[in-house]
């Protein structure tokens, strides 16, 4: 469960970075 949460957080951060660039 902890691994899934970490994966979700990483996904959110990645999305935020992409939005910031675009």
N, C-alpha and C. Protein backbone atom coordinates (compact mmCIF):
# COMPACT_ATOMS: atom_id res chain seq x y z
N UNK A 1 0.84 -1.20 0.00
CA UNK A 1 0.00 0.00 0.00
C UNK A 1 0.88 1.25 0.00
N UNK A 2 1.95 1.21 0.78
CA UNK A 2 2.85 2.37 0.85
C UNK A 2 3.48 2.62 -0.52
N UNK A 3 3.80 1.53 -1.21
CA UNK A 3 4.44 1.68 -2.53
C UNK A 3 3.49 2.37 -3.50
N UNK A 4 2.23 1.97 -3.46
CA UNK A 4 1.23 2.57 -4.35
C UNK A 4 1.10 4.06 -4.08
N UNK A 5 1.12 4.42 -2.78
CA UNK A 5 0.99 5.83 -2.41
C UNK A 5 2.17 6.62 -2.96
N UNK A 6 3.36 6.06 -2.82
CA UNK A 6 4.56 6.74 -3.30
C UNK A 6 4.48 6.93 -4.82
N UNK A 7 3.94 5.91 -5.49
CA UNK A 7 3.82 5.98 -6.94
C UNK A 7 2.85 7.10 -7.34
N UNK A 8 1.75 7.22 -6.58
CA UNK A 8 0.75 8.25 -6.87
C UNK A 8 1.36 9.63 -6.69
N UNK A 9 2.12 9.80 -5.61
CA UNK A 9 2.75 11.10 -5.33
C UNK A 9 3.70 11.45 -6.46
N UNK A 10 4.49 10.47 -6.89
CA UNK A 10 5.45 10.71 -7.97
C UNK A 10 4.72 11.13 -9.25
N UNK A 11 3.57 10.47 -9.48
CA UNK A 11 2.79 10.78 -10.68
C UNK A 11 2.28 12.22 -10.61
N UNK A 12 1.83 12.62 -9.44
CA UNK A 12 1.31 13.99 -9.27
C UNK A 12 2.42 15.00 -9.48
N UNK A 13 3.59 14.72 -8.95
CA UNK A 13 4.73 15.65 -9.09
C UNK A 13 5.11 15.77 -10.56
N UNK A 14 5.13 14.61 -11.24
CA UNK A 14 5.49 14.61 -12.66
C UNK A 14 4.49 15.44 -13.45
N UNK A 15 3.21 15.29 -13.14
CA UNK A 15 2.15 16.04 -13.84
C UNK A 15 2.32 17.53 -13.57
N UNK A 16 2.65 17.87 -12.33
CA UNK A 16 2.82 19.29 -11.97
C UNK A 16 3.99 19.89 -12.74
N UNK A 17 5.07 19.14 -12.86
CA UNK A 17 6.25 19.64 -13.59
C UNK A 17 5.90 19.84 -15.06
N UNK A 18 5.19 18.87 -15.64
CA UNK A 18 4.80 18.98 -17.05
C UNK A 18 3.94 20.21 -17.26
N UNK A 19 3.00 20.45 -16.36
CA UNK A 19 2.12 21.62 -16.48
C UNK A 19 2.93 22.90 -16.34
N UNK A 20 3.91 22.89 -15.46
CA UNK A 20 4.73 24.08 -15.24
C UNK A 20 5.52 24.40 -16.51
N UNK A 21 6.05 23.37 -17.15
CA UNK A 21 6.83 23.57 -18.37
C UNK A 21 5.93 24.04 -19.50
N UNK A 22 4.76 23.39 -19.63
CA UNK A 22 3.83 23.75 -20.71
C UNK A 22 3.02 24.95 -20.27
